[in-house]
Amino acid sequence: MNYQVALQFEDGVTRIIECAPGEKLSDAAYRQQVNIPLDCRDGACGTCRGHCESGVYDMPESSYIEDALTPEEAVQGYVLACQMKPKSNCVVQVPASSAVCKAAAGQFKTRIKSVNMLSPSTIEFTLDLEGNKPLDFLPGQYAKVNIPGTSLSRAYSFSSVSGTNRASFVVRNVPQGKMSEYLTAQAKPSDEVLFEAPFGSFYLRPISRPTLFLAGGTGIAPFLSMLGTLTPETLTHPLLLVYGVTRDEDLVGLEALEEAAHRLPMFDFKFCILDTQRDDVLKGYVTQHVDQNWLNGNEYDTYLCGPVAMVDAVRKWQEESALGCKNFYFEKFSASSEV
């Protein structure tokens, strides 16, 4: 069985390649036209040094010299692509741009499958990929979707799971927004839509401690992708999602969250609405509804996706409350300056 290795470049582009058992990472990359920089191929120069964020691999000390990689660096997960042999799916940070490595993001031609108004403020649209090759990305990453009939594009997080021929997105209905106007007034089934993907360093790592998901508005999208990827076998630590919206109409995706809670025993979620007249829901901001006893003595990870102001507010809350976490991963978004 081949392994999938996600190569993350310093300009935000991700390229996922296949590596055969016993195959060196650099050989697999070159076989798939990804030119990871290297000078020696013998573990002597350190040019191909990167960092393995997740996964299992074989790279014995005898395969390289200390000038290329120190014992301390090896313990920290640094690897040499010319000597690393993946033994599972892996994520590897490559300290070079995708342009240098000739590994541009994939270009995809798709057709509109459906457009659904989840609420007056939120649109879900689904695209079918042409051809038989499935779309691979890390759950949490995004695509740059072209607005048909223009040269403009918008960055949207996938709400669907990787490895299929279909891509879904949950996006805000922006008044007078070019993509919003296209989706609500012009889009028809089978319309051609182009996009580039995958992009972004916001993606789900292996969950090794209690983990907190914080979503604001359509920032729920990448978490739907993450939850769709998890299984009871891969989720063995508590996972809590707190989902906040401004108005009643902004609340979407509850059926998917309920399905995930039913399927994943270690997962739970709650939602809150800032501006509502309802008495049967939590009100206020997401930070008001995180039980400090749940935070495991600050031994927890945080994933956050929401507007810029929300990301800044959560960071301030953690600092002022001394509730800092082990790892803080975030994606913040704002409306395009050119709606």
C-alpha atoms as a PDB file:
ATOM      1  CA  MET A   1       0.000   0.000   0.000  1.00  0.00           C
ATOM      2  CA  ASN A   2       1.356   3.412  -0.948  1.00  0.00           C
ATOM      3  CA  TYR A   3       1.447   6.277   1.541  1.00  0.00           C
ATOM      4  CA  GLN A   4       0.254   9.830   0.970  1.00  0.00           C
ATOM      5  CA  VAL A   5       2.740  12.535   1.892  1.00  0.00           C
ATOM      6  CA  ALA A   6       1.570  16.150   2.033  1.00  0.00           C
ATOM      7  CA  LEU A   7       4.434  18.485   1.157  1.00  0.00           C
ATOM      8  CA  GLN A   8       3.804  21.946   2.584  1.00  0.00           C
ATOM      9  CA  PHE A   9       5.827  24.710   0.953  1.00  0.00           C
ATOM     10  CA  GLU A  10       6.704  28.015   2.581  1.00  0.00           C
ATOM     11  CA  ASP A  11       4.392  29.995   0.262  1.00  0.00           C
ATOM     12  CA  GLY A  12       1.325  28.117   1.545  1.00  0.00           C
ATOM     13  CA  VAL A  13       0.955  25.665  -1.354  1.00  0.00           C
ATOM     14  CA  THR A  14       0.480  21.986  -0.514  1.00  0.00           C
ATOM     15  CA  ARG A  15       1.245  19.140  -2.893  1.00  0.00           C
ATOM     16  CA  ILE A  16       0.215  15.599  -1.968  1.00  0.00           C
ATOM     17  CA  ILE A  17       2.322  12.813  -3.458  1.00  0.00           C
ATOM     18  CA  GLU A  18       2.331   9.030  -3.175  1.00  0.00           C
ATOM     19  CA  CYS A  19       5.300   7.205  -1.728  1.00  0.00           C
ATOM     20  CA  ALA A  20       5.782   3.458  -2.091  1.00  0.00           C
ATOM     21  CA  PRO A  21       6.875   1.357   0.911  1.00  0.00           C
ATOM     22  CA  GLY A  22      10.649   1.613   1.272  1.00  0.00           C
ATOM     23  CA  GLU A  23      10.873   4.541  -1.170  1.00  0.00           C
ATOM     24  CA  LYS A  24      12.823   7.634  -0.178  1.00  0.00           C
ATOM     25  CA  LEU A  25      10.788  10.820  -0.055  1.00  0.00           C
ATOM     26  CA  SER A  26      13.003  12.690  -2.523  1.00  0.00           C
ATOM     27  CA  ASP A  27      12.766   9.835  -5.041  1.00  0.00           C
ATOM     28  CA  ALA A  28       8.972   9.778  -4.772  1.00  0.00           C
ATOM     29  CA  ALA A  29       8.836  13.559  -5.161  1.00  0.00           C
ATOM     30  CA  TYR A  30      11.047  13.592  -8.252  1.00  0.00           C
ATOM     31  CA  ARG A  31       9.045  10.742  -9.759  1.00  0.00           C
ATOM     32  CA  GLN A  32       5.984  13.010  -9.484  1.00  0.00           C
ATOM     33  CA  GLN A  33       7.743  16.124 -10.856  1.00  0.00           C
ATOM     34  CA  VAL A  34       8.310  17.821  -7.487  1.00  0.00           C
ATOM     35  CA  ASN A  35      11.905  19.017  -7.316  1.00  0.00           C
ATOM     36  CA  ILE A  36      12.799  19.141  -3.628  1.00  0.00           C
ATOM     37  CA  PRO A  37      16.139  21.016  -3.418  1.00  0.00           C
ATOM     38  CA  LEU A  38      19.086  18.692  -2.772  1.00  0.00           C
ATOM     39  CA  ASP A  39      22.757  18.526  -3.635  1.00  0.00           C
ATOM     40  CA  CYS A  40      24.039  15.126  -2.568  1.00  0.00           C
ATOM     41  CA  ARG A  41      21.330  12.430  -2.149  1.00  0.00           C
ATOM     42  CA  ASP A  42      23.639  10.841   0.459  1.00  0.00           C
ATOM     43  CA  GLY A  43      22.566  12.520   3.711  1.00  0.00           C
ATOM     44  CA  ALA A  44      25.697  14.664   3.729  1.00  0.00           C
ATOM     45  CA  CYS A  45      24.742  18.231   2.787  1.00  0.00           C
ATOM     46  CA  GLY A  46      21.465  19.015   4.587  1.00  0.00           C
ATOM     47  CA  THR A  47      20.009  20.884   1.605  1.00  0.00           C
ATOM     48  CA  CYS A  48      16.851  18.745   1.612  1.00  0.00           C
ATOM     49  CA  ARG A  49      16.234  19.217   5.347  1.00  0.00           C
ATOM     50  CA  GLY A  50      12.577  19.624   6.313  1.00  0.00           C
ATOM     51  CA  HIS A  51      10.274  18.961   9.246  1.00  0.00           C
ATOM     52  CA  CYS A  52       7.844  16.059   9.575  1.00  0.00           C
ATOM     53  CA  GLU A  53       4.776  17.347  11.426  1.00  0.00           C
ATOM     54  CA  SER A  54       2.969  14.026  11.554  1.00  0.00           C
ATOM     55  CA  GLY A  55       3.408  10.439  10.486  1.00  0.00           C
ATOM     56  CA  VAL A  56       5.806   7.537  10.933  1.00  0.00           C
ATOM     57  CA  TYR A  57       8.989   7.126   8.932  1.00  0.00           C
ATOM     58  CA  ASP A  58      12.295   5.279   8.828  1.00  0.00           C
ATOM     59  CA  MET A  59      15.546   7.266   8.791  1.00  0.00           C
ATOM     60  CA  PRO A  60      18.336   5.506  10.713  1.00  0.00           C
ATOM     61  CA  GLU A  61      21.178   7.594  12.124  1.00  0.00           C
ATOM     62  CA  SER A  62      23.625   5.672   9.958  1.00  0.00           C
ATOM     63  CA  SER A  63      22.003   7.114   6.803  1.00  0.00           C
ATOM     64  CA  TYR A  64      23.257  10.688   7.336  1.00  0.00           C
ATOM     65  CA  ILE A  65      26.033  12.657   9.007  1.00  0.00           C
ATOM     66  CA  GLU A  66      25.712  15.151  11.851  1.00  0.00           C
ATOM     67  CA  ASP A  67      26.713  18.068   9.630  1.00  0.00           C
ATOM     68  CA  ALA A  68      23.481  17.470   7.704  1.00  0.00           C
ATOM     69  CA  LEU A  69      21.208  16.777  10.683  1.00  0.00           C
ATOM     70  CA  THR A  70      22.058  16.852  14.382  1.00  0.00           C
ATOM     71  CA  PRO A  71      20.717  14.266  16.850  1.00  0.00           C
ATOM     72  CA  GLU A  72      18.713  17.027  18.552  1.00  0.00           C
ATOM     73  CA  GLU A  73      17.082  18.022  15.269  1.00  0.00           C
ATOM     74  CA  ALA A  74      16.245  14.399  14.488  1.00  0.00           C
ATOM     75  CA  VAL A  75      14.487  14.055  17.855  1.00  0.00           C
ATOM     76  CA  GLN A  76      12.470  17.209  17.067  1.00  0.00           C
ATOM     77  CA  GLY A  77      11.161  15.668  13.835  1.00  0.00           C
ATOM     78  CA  TYR A  78      13.511  17.230  11.308  1.00  0.00           C
ATOM     79  CA  VAL A  79      14.220  14.963   8.358  1.00  0.00           C
ATOM     80  CA  LEU A  80      16.309  14.704   5.217  1.00  0.00           C
ATOM     81  CA  ALA A  81      14.127  14.034   2.178  1.00  0.00           C
ATOM     82  CA  CYS A  82      16.925  12.063   0.536  1.00  0.00           C
ATOM     83  CA  GLN A  83      16.962   9.544   3.428  1.00  0.00           C
ATOM     84  CA  MET A  84      13.441   9.609   4.881  1.00  0.00           C
ATOM     85  CA  LYS A  85      11.294   6.567   4.034  1.00  0.00           C
ATOM     86  CA  PRO A  86       7.636   7.090   5.046  1.00  0.00           C
ATOM     87  CA  LYS A  87       5.920   4.209   6.836  1.00  0.00           C
ATOM     88  CA  SER A  88       2.511   5.933   7.062  1.00  0.00           C
ATOM     89  CA  ASN A  89       0.765   8.997   5.680  1.00  0.00           C
ATOM     90  CA  CYS A  90       2.887  12.041   6.578  1.00  0.00           C
ATOM     91  CA  VAL A  91       2.903  15.840   6.526  1.00  0.00           C
ATOM     92  CA  VAL A  92       6.313  17.363   5.764  1.00  0.00           C
ATOM     93  CA  GLN A  93       7.225  21.059   5.827  1.00  0.00           C
ATOM     94  CA  VAL A  94       9.572  21.948   2.951  1.00  0.00           C
ATOM     95  CA  PRO A  95      11.601  25.170   3.532  1.00  0.00           C
ATOM     96  CA  ALA A  96      11.315  26.326  -0.068  1.00  0.00           C
ATOM     97  CA  SER A  97       8.639  27.852  -2.271  1.00  0.00           C
ATOM     98  CA  SER A  98       6.442  25.781  -4.550  1.00  0.00           C
ATOM     99  CA  ALA A  99       7.853  27.739  -7.503  1.00  0.00           C
ATOM    100  CA  VAL A 100      11.406  26.675  -6.665  1.00  0.00           C
ATOM    101  CA  CYS A 101      10.230  23.071  -6.381  1.00  0.00           C
ATOM    102  CA  LYS A 102       8.088  23.348  -9.525  1.00  0.00           C
ATOM    103  CA  ALA A 103       5.094  22.182  -7.510  1.00  0.00           C
ATOM    104  CA  ALA A 104       2.340  24.683  -8.234  1.00  0.00           C
ATOM    105  CA  ALA A 105      -1.106  24.112  -6.765  1.00  0.00           C
ATOM    106  CA  GLY A 106      -3.359  21.889  -8.829  1.00  0.00           C
ATOM    107  CA  GLN A 107      -5.676  23.438 -11.412  1.00  0.00           C
ATOM    108  CA  PHE A 108      -9.134  21.864 -11.413  1.00  0.00           C
ATOM    109  CA  LYS A 109     -11.972  22.130 -13.908  1.00  0.00           C
ATOM    110  CA  THR A 110     -15.339  21.441 -12.305  1.00  0.00           C
ATOM    111  CA  ARG A 111     -19.066  21.661 -12.920  1.00  0.00           C
ATOM    112  CA  ILE A 112     -21.662  22.996 -10.516  1.00  0.00           C
ATOM    113  CA  LYS A 113     -23.551  20.157  -8.870  1.00  0.00           C
ATOM    114  CA  SER A 114     -25.777  22.248  -6.620  1.00  0.00           C
ATOM    115  CA  VAL A 115     -26.229  25.626  -4.935  1.00  0.00           C
ATOM    116  CA  ASN A 116     -28.244  25.742  -1.707  1.00  0.00           C
ATOM    117  CA  MET A 117     -29.266  28.734   0.382  1.00  0.00           C
ATOM    118  CA  LEU A 118     -28.739  27.361   3.881  1.00  0.00           C
ATOM    119  CA  SER A 119     -30.054  30.653   5.246  1.00  0.00           C
ATOM    120  CA  PRO A 120     -30.405  34.235   3.983  1.00  0.00           C
ATOM    121  CA  SER A 121     -26.792  34.833   5.032  1.00  0.00           C
ATOM    122  CA  THR A 122     -25.154  31.539   4.042  1.00  0.00           C
ATOM    123  CA  ILE A 123     -24.690  29.640   0.777  1.00  0.00           C
ATOM    124  CA  GLU A 124     -23.484  26.089   0.241  1.00  0.00           C
ATOM    125  CA  PHE A 125     -22.293  25.079  -3.204  1.00  0.00           C
ATOM    126  CA  THR A 126     -20.938  21.783  -4.484  1.00  0.00           C
ATOM    127  CA  LEU A 127     -18.707  21.173  -7.489  1.00  0.00           C
ATOM    128  CA  ASP A 128     -18.118  17.941  -9.405  1.00  0.00           C
ATOM    129  CA  LEU A 129     -14.567  17.446 -10.663  1.00  0.00           C
ATOM    130  CA  GLU A 130     -14.070  16.395 -14.257  1.00  0.00           C
ATOM    131  CA  GLY A 131     -12.024  13.246 -14.811  1.00  0.00           C
ATOM    132  CA  ASN A 132     -11.445  10.289 -12.521  1.00  0.00           C
ATOM    133  CA  LYS A 133      -8.638  11.592 -10.309  1.00  0.00           C
ATOM    134  CA  PRO A 134      -9.905  12.458  -6.809  1.00  0.00           C
ATOM    135  CA  LEU A 135      -9.095  15.741  -5.099  1.00  0.00           C
ATOM    136  CA  ASP A 136      -6.621  15.408  -2.227  1.00  0.00           C
ATOM    137  CA  PHE A 137      -6.120  18.019   0.484  1.00  0.00           C
ATOM    138  CA  LEU A 138      -5.615  18.229   4.233  1.00  0.00           C
ATOM    139  CA  PRO A 139      -8.856  18.787   6.188  1.00  0.00           C
ATOM    140  CA  GLY A 140      -8.995  22.506   6.971  1.00  0.00           C
ATOM    141  CA  GLN A 141      -7.273  23.734   3.808  1.00  0.00           C
ATOM    142  CA  TYR A 142      -8.807  26.009   1.189  1.00  0.00           C
ATOM    143  CA  ALA A 143      -9.188  26.536  -2.551  1.00  0.00           C
ATOM    144  CA  LYS A 144      -9.015  29.664  -4.697  1.00  0.00           C
ATOM    145  CA  VAL A 145     -12.282  29.515  -6.639  1.00  0.00           C
ATOM    146  CA  ASN A 146     -12.631  31.529  -9.841  1.00  0.00           C
ATOM    147  CA  ILE A 147     -15.765  33.641 -10.260  1.00  0.00           C
ATOM    148  CA  PRO A 148     -17.115  32.534 -13.663  1.00  0.00           C
ATOM    149  CA  GLY A 149     -16.962  35.226 -16.311  1.00  0.00           C
ATOM    150  CA  THR A 150     -14.269  37.193 -14.478  1.00  0.00           C
ATOM    151  CA  SER A 151     -10.563  37.000 -13.685  1.00  0.00           C
ATOM    152  CA  LEU A 152     -11.319  37.211  -9.956  1.00  0.00           C
ATOM    153  CA  SER A 153     -11.142  34.425  -7.405  1.00  0.00           C
ATOM    154  CA  ARG A 154     -12.168  33.905  -3.798  1.00  0.00           C
ATOM    155  CA  ALA A 155     -10.509  31.780  -1.100  1.00  0.00           C
ATOM    156  CA  TYR A 156     -12.924  29.277   0.462  1.00  0.00           C
ATOM    157  CA  SER A 157     -12.260  26.474   2.935  1.00  0.00           C
ATOM    158  CA  PHE A 158     -13.421  23.016   1.925  1.00  0.00           C
ATOM    159  CA  SER A 159     -16.364  21.748   3.961  1.00  0.00           C
ATOM    160  CA  SER A 160     -16.189  18.363   2.217  1.00  0.00           C
ATOM    161  CA  VAL A 161     -13.703  15.562   2.834  1.00  0.00           C
ATOM    162  CA  SER A 162     -10.614  14.779   0.800  1.00  0.00           C
ATOM    163  CA  GLY A 163     -10.226  11.907  -1.632  1.00  0.00           C
ATOM    164  CA  THR A 164     -13.446  12.260  -3.644  1.00  0.00           C
ATOM    165  CA  ASN A 165     -14.469  13.785  -6.978  1.00  0.00           C
ATOM    166  CA  ARG A 166     -16.659  16.374  -5.289  1.00  0.00           C
ATOM    167  CA  ALA A 167     -15.848  19.605  -3.426  1.00  0.00           C
ATOM    168  CA  SER A 168     -18.246  21.553  -1.211  1.00  0.00           C
ATOM    169  CA  PHE A 169     -17.991  25.002   0.353  1.00  0.00           C
ATOM    170  CA  VAL A 170     -20.049  26.935   2.913  1.00  0.00           C
ATOM    171  CA  VAL A 171     -19.710  30.678   2.300  1.00  0.00           C
ATOM    172  CA  ARG A 172     -21.222  33.950   3.407  1.00  0.00           C
ATOM    173  CA  ASN A 173     -23.811  35.623   1.196  1.00  0.00           C
ATOM    174  CA  VAL A 174     -22.164  39.034   0.819  1.00  0.00           C
ATOM    175  CA  PRO A 175     -24.484  41.862  -0.330  1.00  0.00           C
ATOM    176  CA  GLN A 176     -23.322  42.981  -3.796  1.00  0.00           C
ATOM    177  CA  GLY A 177     -20.482  40.469  -3.620  1.00  0.00           C
ATOM    178  CA  LYS A 178     -19.490  39.207  -7.054  1.00  0.00           C
ATOM    179  CA  MET A 179     -19.369  35.534  -6.083  1.00  0.00           C
ATOM    180  CA  SER A 180     -22.557  35.844  -4.035  1.00  0.00           C
ATOM    181  CA  GLU A 181     -24.375  37.452  -6.946  1.00  0.00           C
ATOM    182  CA  TYR A 182     -23.166  34.727  -9.276  1.00  0.00           C
ATOM    183  CA  LEU A 183     -24.242  31.915  -6.942  1.00  0.00           C
ATOM    184  CA  THR A 184     -27.653  33.374  -6.096  1.00  0.00           C
ATOM    185  CA  ALA A 185     -28.687  34.821  -9.467  1.00  0.00           C
ATOM    186  CA  GLN A 186     -26.722  33.184 -12.271  1.00  0.00           C
ATOM    187  CA  ALA A 187     -25.337  29.762 -11.358  1.00  0.00           C
ATOM    188  CA  LYS A 188     -26.868  26.741 -13.087  1.00  0.00           C
ATOM    189  CA  PRO A 189     -26.129  23.019 -12.801  1.00  0.00           C
ATOM    190  CA  SER A 190     -23.234  22.003 -15.075  1.00  0.00           C
ATOM    191  CA  ASP A 191     -21.783  25.545 -15.249  1.00  0.00           C
ATOM    192  CA  GLU A 192     -17.992  25.347 -15.483  1.00  0.00           C
ATOM    193  CA  VAL A 193     -16.059  26.604 -12.453  1.00  0.00           C
ATOM    194  CA  LEU A 194     -12.262  26.579 -12.142  1.00  0.00           C
ATOM    195  CA  PHE A 195     -10.268  26.487  -8.933  1.00  0.00           C
ATOM    196  CA  GLU A 196      -6.736  26.021  -7.615  1.00  0.00           C
ATOM    197  CA  ALA A 197      -5.977  23.902  -4.554  1.00  0.00           C
ATOM    198  CA  PRO A 198      -4.903  23.066  -1.973  1.00  0.00           C
ATOM    199  CA  PHE A 199      -3.591  26.010   0.042  1.00  0.00           C
ATOM    200  CA  GLY A 200      -3.062  26.869   3.694  1.00  0.00           C
ATOM    201  CA  SER A 201      -1.300  25.789   6.870  1.00  0.00           C
ATOM    202  CA  PHE A 202      -4.567  25.498   8.823  1.00  0.00           C
ATOM    203  CA  TYR A 203      -5.281  21.784   8.819  1.00  0.00           C
ATOM    204  CA  LEU A 204      -6.003  19.010  11.290  1.00  0.00           C
ATOM    205  CA  ARG A 205      -2.993  17.372  12.916  1.00  0.00           C
ATOM    206  CA  PRO A 206      -3.232  14.006  14.704  1.00  0.00           C
ATOM    207  CA  ILE A 207      -5.171  14.663  17.912  1.00  0.00           C
ATOM    208  CA  SER A 208      -2.921  13.694  20.826  1.00  0.00           C
ATOM    209  CA  ARG A 209      -4.515  15.673  23.685  1.00  0.00           C
ATOM    210  CA  PRO A 210      -7.856  17.373  24.466  1.00  0.00           C
ATOM    211  CA  THR A 211      -8.648  19.719  21.590  1.00  0.00           C
ATOM    212  CA  LEU A 212     -10.833  22.807  21.306  1.00  0.00           C
ATOM    213  CA  PHE A 213     -12.415  23.860  18.005  1.00  0.00           C
ATOM    214  CA  LEU A 214     -13.684  27.466  17.886  1.00  0.00           C
ATOM    215  CA  ALA A 215     -15.733  28.506  14.842  1.00  0.00           C
ATOM    216  CA  GLY A 216     -17.202  31.876  13.945  1.00  0.00           C
ATOM    217  CA  GLY A 217     -19.880  32.179  11.245  1.00  0.00           C
ATOM    218  CA  THR A 218     -18.878  30.426   8.025  1.00  0.00           C
ATOM    219  CA  GLY A 219     -15.652  29.519   9.809  1.00  0.00           C
ATOM    220  CA  ILE A 220     -17.590  26.325  10.548  1.00  0.00           C
ATOM    221  CA  ALA A 221     -16.684  25.070   7.041  1.00  0.00           C
ATOM    222  CA  PRO A 222     -13.179  23.663   7.685  1.00  0.00           C
ATOM    223  CA  PHE A 223     -14.383  21.999  10.880  1.00  0.00           C
ATOM    224  CA  LEU A 224     -17.058  20.139   8.918  1.00  0.00           C
ATOM    225  CA  SER A 225     -14.232  18.769   6.764  1.00  0.00           C
ATOM    226  CA  MET A 226     -12.167  17.842   9.821  1.00  0.00           C
ATOM    227  CA  LEU A 227     -15.075  16.120  11.556  1.00  0.00           C
ATOM    228  CA  GLY A 228     -15.893  14.201   8.392  1.00  0.00           C
ATOM    229  CA  THR A 229     -12.351  12.849   8.395  1.00  0.00           C
ATOM    230  CA  LEU A 230     -12.245  11.699  12.023  1.00  0.00           C
ATOM    231  CA  THR A 231     -13.270   8.219  13.139  1.00  0.00           C
ATOM    232  CA  PRO A 232     -13.771   6.707  16.608  1.00  0.00           C
ATOM    233  CA  GLU A 233     -10.386   5.022  16.135  1.00  0.00           C
ATOM    234  CA  THR A 234      -8.518   8.262  15.326  1.00  0.00           C
ATOM    235  CA  LEU A 235     -10.311  10.411  17.920  1.00  0.00           C
ATOM    236  CA  THR A 236      -9.233   9.066  21.305  1.00  0.00           C
ATOM    237  CA  HIS A 237      -9.076  12.376  23.214  1.00  0.00           C
ATOM    238  CA  PRO A 238     -11.909  14.788  24.079  1.00  0.00           C
ATOM    239  CA  LEU A 239     -12.828  17.192  21.286  1.00  0.00           C
ATOM    240  CA  LEU A 240     -15.114  20.176  21.905  1.00  0.00           C
ATOM    241  CA  LEU A 241     -16.445  22.526  19.224  1.00  0.00           C
ATOM    242  CA  VAL A 242     -17.881  25.890  20.265  1.00  0.00           C
ATOM    243  CA  TYR A 243     -19.614  27.547  17.328  1.00  0.00           C
ATOM    244  CA  GLY A 244     -20.611  31.203  17.503  1.00  0.00           C
ATOM    245  CA  VAL A 245     -22.728  33.294  15.144  1.00  0.00           C
ATOM    246  CA  THR A 246     -24.070  36.837  15.202  1.00  0.00           C
ATOM    247  CA  ARG A 247     -27.741  36.278  14.323  1.00  0.00           C
ATOM    248  CA  ASP A 248     -30.197  33.388  14.289  1.00  0.00           C
ATOM    249  CA  GLU A 249     -30.065  33.187  10.494  1.00  0.00           C
ATOM    250  CA  ASP A 250     -26.291  32.642  10.543  1.00  0.00           C
ATOM    251  CA  LEU A 251     -26.591  29.297  12.344  1.00  0.00           C
ATOM    252  CA  VAL A 252     -26.100  26.443   9.852  1.00  0.00           C
ATOM    253  CA  GLY A 253     -24.700  22.924   9.747  1.00  0.00           C
ATOM    254  CA  LEU A 254     -26.265  21.657  12.974  1.00  0.00           C
ATOM    255  CA  GLU A 255     -27.388  18.379  11.384  1.00  0.00           C
ATOM    256  CA  ALA A 256     -23.806  17.595  10.372  1.00  0.00           C
ATOM    257  CA  LEU A 257     -22.579  18.408  13.881  1.00  0.00           C
ATOM    258  CA  GLU A 258     -25.243  16.211  15.456  1.00  0.00           C
ATOM    259  CA  GLU A 259     -24.273  13.366  13.119  1.00  0.00           C
ATOM    260  CA  ALA A 260     -20.620  13.765  14.097  1.00  0.00           C
ATOM    261  CA  ALA A 261     -21.502  13.778  17.808  1.00  0.00           C
ATOM    262  CA  HIS A 262     -23.483  10.560  17.332  1.00  0.00           C
ATOM    263  CA  ARG A 263     -20.662   8.906  15.372  1.00  0.00           C
ATOM    264  CA  LEU A 264     -17.721  10.097  17.513  1.00  0.00           C
ATOM    265  CA  PRO A 265     -18.063   9.274  21.237  1.00  0.00           C
ATOM    266  CA  MET A 266     -15.259  11.696  22.200  1.00  0.00           C
ATOM    267  CA  PHE A 267     -16.791  14.674  20.365  1.00  0.00           C
ATOM    268  CA  ASP A 268     -19.236  17.241  21.717  1.00  0.00           C
ATOM    269  CA  PHE A 269     -20.357  20.665  20.550  1.00  0.00           C
ATOM    270  CA  LYS A 270     -22.278  23.722  21.643  1.00  0.00           C
ATOM    271  CA  PHE A 271     -23.336  26.870  19.835  1.00  0.00           C
ATOM    272  CA  CYS A 272     -24.087  30.427  20.853  1.00  0.00           C
ATOM    273  CA  ILE A 273     -25.792  33.400  19.212  1.00  0.00           C
ATOM    274  CA  LEU A 274     -24.721  36.966  19.935  1.00  0.00           C
ATOM    275  CA  ASP A 275     -27.839  38.870  18.869  1.00  0.00           C
ATOM    276  CA  THR A 276     -30.982  36.821  19.469  1.00  0.00           C
ATOM    277  CA  GLN A 277     -34.354  37.020  21.196  1.00  0.00           C
ATOM    278  CA  ARG A 278     -34.451  33.272  21.803  1.00  0.00           C
ATOM    279  CA  ASP A 279     -34.414  31.989  25.370  1.00  0.00           C
ATOM    280  CA  ASP A 280     -33.523  28.389  24.505  1.00  0.00           C
ATOM    281  CA  VAL A 281     -29.938  28.976  23.305  1.00  0.00           C
ATOM    282  CA  LEU A 282     -26.597  30.107  24.678  1.00  0.00           C
ATOM    283  CA  LYS A 283     -25.883  33.785  24.084  1.00  0.00           C
ATOM    284  CA  GLY A 284     -22.734  35.865  23.758  1.00  0.00           C
ATOM    285  CA  TYR A 285     -19.260  34.963  22.535  1.00  0.00           C
ATOM    286  CA  VAL A 286     -17.607  31.546  22.197  1.00  0.00           C
ATOM    287  CA  THR A 287     -15.088  32.331  24.945  1.00  0.00           C
ATOM    288  CA  GLN A 288     -17.948  32.693  27.438  1.00  0.00           C
ATOM    289  CA  HIS A 289     -18.928  29.066  26.916  1.00  0.00           C
ATOM    290  CA  VAL A 290     -15.641  27.226  27.397  1.00  0.00           C
ATOM    291  CA  ASP A 291     -15.519  25.492  30.770  1.00  0.00           C
ATOM    292  CA  GLN A 292     -12.064  26.190  32.197  1.00  0.00           C
ATOM    293  CA  ASN A 293     -12.102  22.815  33.951  1.00  0.00           C
ATOM    294  CA  TRP A 294     -12.266  21.211  30.504  1.00  0.00           C
ATOM    295  CA  LEU A 295      -8.960  22.784  29.454  1.00  0.00           C
ATOM    296  CA  ASN A 296      -6.889  20.079  31.135  1.00  0.00           C
ATOM    297  CA  GLY A 297      -4.502  22.388  32.986  1.00  0.00           C
ATOM    298  CA  ASN A 298      -3.637  24.162  29.712  1.00  0.00           C
ATOM    299  CA  GLU A 299      -2.600  20.830  28.171  1.00  0.00           C
ATOM    300  CA  TYR A 300      -4.870  21.253  25.160  1.00  0.00           C
ATOM    301  CA  ASP A 301      -4.713  22.348  21.512  1.00  0.00           C
ATOM    302  CA  THR A 302      -6.828  25.067  19.912  1.00  0.00           C
ATOM    303  CA  TYR A 303      -8.067  25.344  16.333  1.00  0.00           C
ATOM    304  CA  LEU A 304      -9.828  28.592  15.461  1.00  0.00           C
ATOM    305  CA  CYS A 305     -11.451  29.789  12.247  1.00  0.00           C
ATOM    306  CA  GLY A 306     -13.377  33.038  12.114  1.00  0.00           C
ATOM    307  CA  PRO A 307     -13.262  36.769  11.358  1.00  0.00           C
ATOM    308  CA  VAL A 308     -10.124  38.751  12.186  1.00  0.00           C
ATOM    309  CA  ALA A 309     -11.732  40.371  15.244  1.00  0.00           C
ATOM    310  CA  MET A 310     -12.691  36.966  16.652  1.00  0.00           C
ATOM    311  CA  VAL A 311      -9.170  35.572  16.293  1.00  0.00           C
ATOM    312  CA  ASP A 312      -7.709  38.617  18.046  1.00  0.00           C
ATOM    313  CA  ALA A 313     -10.319  38.406  20.821  1.00  0.00           C
ATOM    314  CA  VAL A 314      -9.627  34.724  21.487  1.00  0.00           C
ATOM    315  CA  ARG A 315      -5.875  35.326  21.687  1.00  0.00           C
ATOM    316  CA  LYS A 316      -6.482  38.168  24.153  1.00  0.00           C
ATOM    317  CA  TRP A 317      -8.850  35.979  26.206  1.00  0.00           C
ATOM    318  CA  GLN A 318      -6.270  33.214  26.461  1.00  0.00           C
ATOM    319  CA  GLU A 319      -3.533  35.636  27.498  1.00  0.00           C
ATOM    320  CA  GLU A 320      -5.591  37.547  30.064  1.00  0.00           C
ATOM    321  CA  SER A 321      -7.104  34.383  31.547  1.00  0.00           C
ATOM    322  CA  ALA A 322      -3.779  32.502  31.622  1.00  0.00           C
ATOM    323  CA  LEU A 323      -5.431  29.798  29.532  1.00  0.00           C
ATOM    324  CA  GLY A 324      -2.668  29.383  26.998  1.00  0.00           C
ATOM    325  CA  CYS A 325      -2.688  26.104  25.089  1.00  0.00           C
ATOM    326  CA  LYS A 326       0.051  23.811  23.795  1.00  0.00           C
ATOM    327  CA  ASN A 327      -0.625  24.591  20.129  1.00  0.00           C
ATOM    328  CA  PHE A 328      -2.733  27.341  18.577  1.00  0.00           C
ATOM    329  CA  TYR A 329      -3.741  26.919  14.925  1.00  0.00           C
ATOM    330  CA  PHE A 330      -5.916  29.533  13.283  1.00  0.00           C
ATOM    331  CA  GLU A 331      -7.376  30.784  10.025  1.00  0.00           C
ATOM    332  CA  LYS A 332      -8.812  34.284   9.946  1.00  0.00           C
ATOM    333  CA  PHE A 333     -10.849  35.709   7.131  1.00  0.00           C
ATOM    334  CA  SER A 334     -12.387  38.978   6.028  1.00  0.00           C
ATOM    335  CA  ALA A 335     -14.569  40.088   3.156  1.00  0.00           C
ATOM    336  CA  SER A 336     -12.657  40.704  -0.056  1.00  0.00           C
ATOM    337  CA  SER A 337     -11.641  44.311  -0.601  1.00  0.00           C
ATOM    338  CA  GLU A 338     -13.053  43.911  -4.100  1.00  0.00           C
ATOM    339  CA  VAL A 339     -16.518  42.509  -3.440  1.00  0.00           C
END
